[in-house]
C-alpha cells in the first residue's frame, strides 16, 4: 500500500537527516516515471547517494 510506503520513507528521512522541517512523500504507480505525471519534472529530493556513508546526512 502506497500510504504504508510513504509513512516508512518519512520515518527513515526523519531518523537520518538532521533539521527536517517538513516532508512530502509522493509515490508514483509502479513502472511510471515522474515525467509521465509531472510536466517539466521535479528537481528536489533525496536518494540514497545524497545521504552519504551510513545513510546519514
N, C-alpha and C. Protein backbone atom coordinates (compact mmCIF):
# COMPACT_ATOMS: atom_id res chain seq x y z
N UNK A 1 0.84 -1.19 0.00
CA UNK A 1 0.00 0.00 0.00
C UNK A 1 0.88 1.25 0.00
N UNK A 2 0.59 2.18 -0.87
CA UNK A 2 1.43 3.37 -1.02
C UNK A 2 1.48 4.22 0.25
N UNK A 3 0.41 4.23 1.03
CA UNK A 3 0.41 5.02 2.26
C UNK A 3 1.40 4.45 3.28
N UNK A 4 1.50 3.13 3.34
CA UNK A 4 2.47 2.49 4.23
C UNK A 4 3.90 2.79 3.78
N UNK A 5 4.14 2.71 2.49
CA UNK A 5 5.47 3.01 1.95
C UNK A 5 5.84 4.46 2.25
N UNK A 6 4.92 5.39 2.00
CA UNK A 6 5.18 6.81 2.24
C UNK A 6 5.48 7.06 3.72
N UNK A 7 4.74 6.43 4.61
CA UNK A 7 4.99 6.59 6.05
C UNK A 7 6.36 6.07 6.45
N UNK A 8 6.74 4.92 5.90
CA UNK A 8 8.06 4.35 6.19
C UNK A 8 9.17 5.25 5.67
N UNK A 9 9.00 5.80 4.48
CA UNK A 9 10.00 6.71 3.91
C UNK A 9 10.13 7.95 4.79
N UNK A 10 9.02 8.52 5.21
CA UNK A 10 9.07 9.71 6.07
C UNK A 10 9.79 9.42 7.39
N UNK A 11 9.49 8.29 8.00
CA UNK A 11 10.16 7.94 9.27
C UNK A 11 11.66 7.79 9.08
N UNK A 12 12.08 7.16 7.98
CA UNK A 12 13.51 6.98 7.73
C UNK A 12 14.22 8.30 7.45
N UNK A 13 13.58 9.19 6.73
CA UNK A 13 14.18 10.51 6.48
C UNK A 13 14.36 11.25 7.80
N UNK A 14 13.33 11.27 8.62
CA UNK A 14 13.41 11.97 9.92
C UNK A 14 14.51 11.37 10.81
N UNK A 15 14.70 10.05 10.73
CA UNK A 15 15.71 9.38 11.54
C UNK A 15 17.13 9.66 11.05
N UNK A 16 17.28 9.94 9.76
CA UNK A 16 18.61 10.04 9.16
C UNK A 16 19.07 11.45 8.81
N UNK A 17 18.14 12.39 8.66
CA UNK A 17 18.51 13.74 8.22
C UNK A 17 18.18 14.74 9.33
N UNK A 18 19.21 15.45 9.79
CA UNK A 18 19.02 16.45 10.85
C UNK A 18 18.23 17.65 10.34
N UNK A 19 17.53 18.29 11.25
CA UNK A 19 16.85 19.57 10.98
C UNK A 19 15.81 19.51 9.86
N UNK A 20 15.07 18.44 9.78
CA UNK A 20 14.00 18.34 8.79
C UNK A 20 12.77 19.06 9.34
N UNK A 21 12.25 20.01 8.57
CA UNK A 21 11.07 20.74 9.00
C UNK A 21 9.79 20.15 8.43
N UNK A 22 9.83 19.69 7.19
CA UNK A 22 8.63 19.18 6.55
C UNK A 22 9.03 18.14 5.52
N UNK A 23 8.19 17.14 5.37
CA UNK A 23 8.44 16.08 4.40
C UNK A 23 7.15 15.83 3.63
N UNK A 24 7.27 15.77 2.32
CA UNK A 24 6.15 15.38 1.48
C UNK A 24 6.63 14.20 0.64
N UNK A 25 5.98 13.06 0.78
CA UNK A 25 6.35 11.87 0.03
C UNK A 25 5.25 11.61 -1.00
N UNK A 26 5.67 11.50 -2.25
CA UNK A 26 4.73 11.20 -3.33
C UNK A 26 5.17 9.89 -3.97
N UNK A 27 4.29 8.91 -4.01
CA UNK A 27 4.61 7.61 -4.58
C UNK A 27 3.93 7.50 -5.94
N UNK A 28 4.74 7.23 -6.97
CA UNK A 28 4.21 7.06 -8.32
C UNK A 28 3.77 5.60 -8.50
N UNK A 29 2.82 5.36 -9.39
CA UNK A 29 2.43 3.98 -9.69
C UNK A 29 3.63 3.18 -10.21
N UNK A 30 3.64 1.89 -9.94
CA UNK A 30 4.74 1.02 -10.38
C UNK A 30 4.94 1.14 -11.89
N UNK A 31 6.19 1.28 -12.29
CA UNK A 31 6.54 1.34 -13.71
C UNK A 31 6.45 2.71 -14.33
N UNK A 32 5.96 3.70 -13.59
CA UNK A 32 5.82 5.05 -14.14
C UNK A 32 7.04 5.88 -13.77
N UNK A 33 7.41 6.76 -14.67
CA UNK A 33 8.47 7.71 -14.33
C UNK A 33 7.81 9.02 -13.95
N UNK A 34 8.51 9.85 -13.20
CA UNK A 34 7.97 11.14 -12.79
C UNK A 34 7.54 11.99 -13.96
N UNK A 35 8.25 11.87 -15.08
CA UNK A 35 7.91 12.69 -16.24
C UNK A 35 6.57 12.28 -16.85
N UNK A 36 6.10 11.07 -16.55
CA UNK A 36 4.80 10.64 -17.04
C UNK A 36 3.67 11.46 -16.42
N UNK A 37 3.90 11.98 -15.22
CA UNK A 37 2.85 12.66 -14.48
C UNK A 37 3.11 14.13 -14.25
N UNK A 38 4.36 14.56 -14.34
CA UNK A 38 4.72 15.93 -14.00
C UNK A 38 5.47 16.57 -15.15
N UNK A 39 4.81 17.44 -15.88
CA UNK A 39 5.50 18.13 -16.97
C UNK A 39 6.65 18.95 -16.41
N UNK A 40 7.77 18.89 -17.06
CA UNK A 40 8.94 19.64 -16.61
C UNK A 40 9.75 18.91 -15.57
N UNK A 41 9.22 17.85 -14.98
CA UNK A 41 9.94 17.07 -13.99
C UNK A 41 10.13 17.80 -12.68
N UNK A 42 10.40 17.05 -11.64
CA UNK A 42 10.66 17.62 -10.33
C UNK A 42 12.15 17.53 -10.06
N UNK A 43 12.72 18.55 -9.45
CA UNK A 43 14.15 18.57 -9.23
C UNK A 43 14.58 18.57 -7.79
N UNK A 44 13.71 18.23 -6.88
CA UNK A 44 14.06 18.25 -5.47
C UNK A 44 13.91 16.85 -4.89
N UNK A 45 14.69 16.57 -3.87
CA UNK A 45 14.52 15.30 -3.19
C UNK A 45 15.82 14.69 -2.75
N UNK A 46 15.69 13.55 -2.11
CA UNK A 46 16.83 12.79 -1.61
C UNK A 46 16.81 11.42 -2.25
N UNK A 47 17.99 10.88 -2.45
CA UNK A 47 18.13 9.49 -2.80
C UNK A 47 19.23 8.92 -1.93
N UNK A 48 19.48 7.63 -2.01
CA UNK A 48 20.49 7.01 -1.15
C UNK A 48 21.85 7.66 -1.31
N UNK A 49 22.21 8.04 -2.53
CA UNK A 49 23.51 8.66 -2.78
C UNK A 49 23.68 10.00 -2.11
N UNK A 50 22.59 10.76 -1.95
CA UNK A 50 22.70 12.08 -1.34
C UNK A 50 22.85 12.02 0.17
N UNK A 51 22.61 10.85 0.78
CA UNK A 51 22.73 10.72 2.23
C UNK A 51 24.16 10.42 2.67
N UNK A 52 25.00 9.96 1.76
CA UNK A 52 26.39 9.68 2.13
C UNK A 52 26.54 8.35 2.84
N UNK A 53 27.75 8.11 3.35
CA UNK A 53 28.05 6.84 4.00
C UNK A 53 27.23 6.67 5.26
N UNK A 54 26.75 5.46 5.48
CA UNK A 54 25.98 5.16 6.68
C UNK A 54 24.57 5.70 6.65
N UNK A 55 24.15 6.29 5.53
CA UNK A 55 22.80 6.79 5.42
C UNK A 55 22.51 8.03 6.23
N UNK A 56 23.55 8.73 6.69
CA UNK A 56 23.35 9.95 7.50
C UNK A 56 23.74 11.16 6.69
N UNK A 57 23.03 12.23 6.93
CA UNK A 57 23.38 13.49 6.27
C UNK A 57 23.59 14.53 7.33
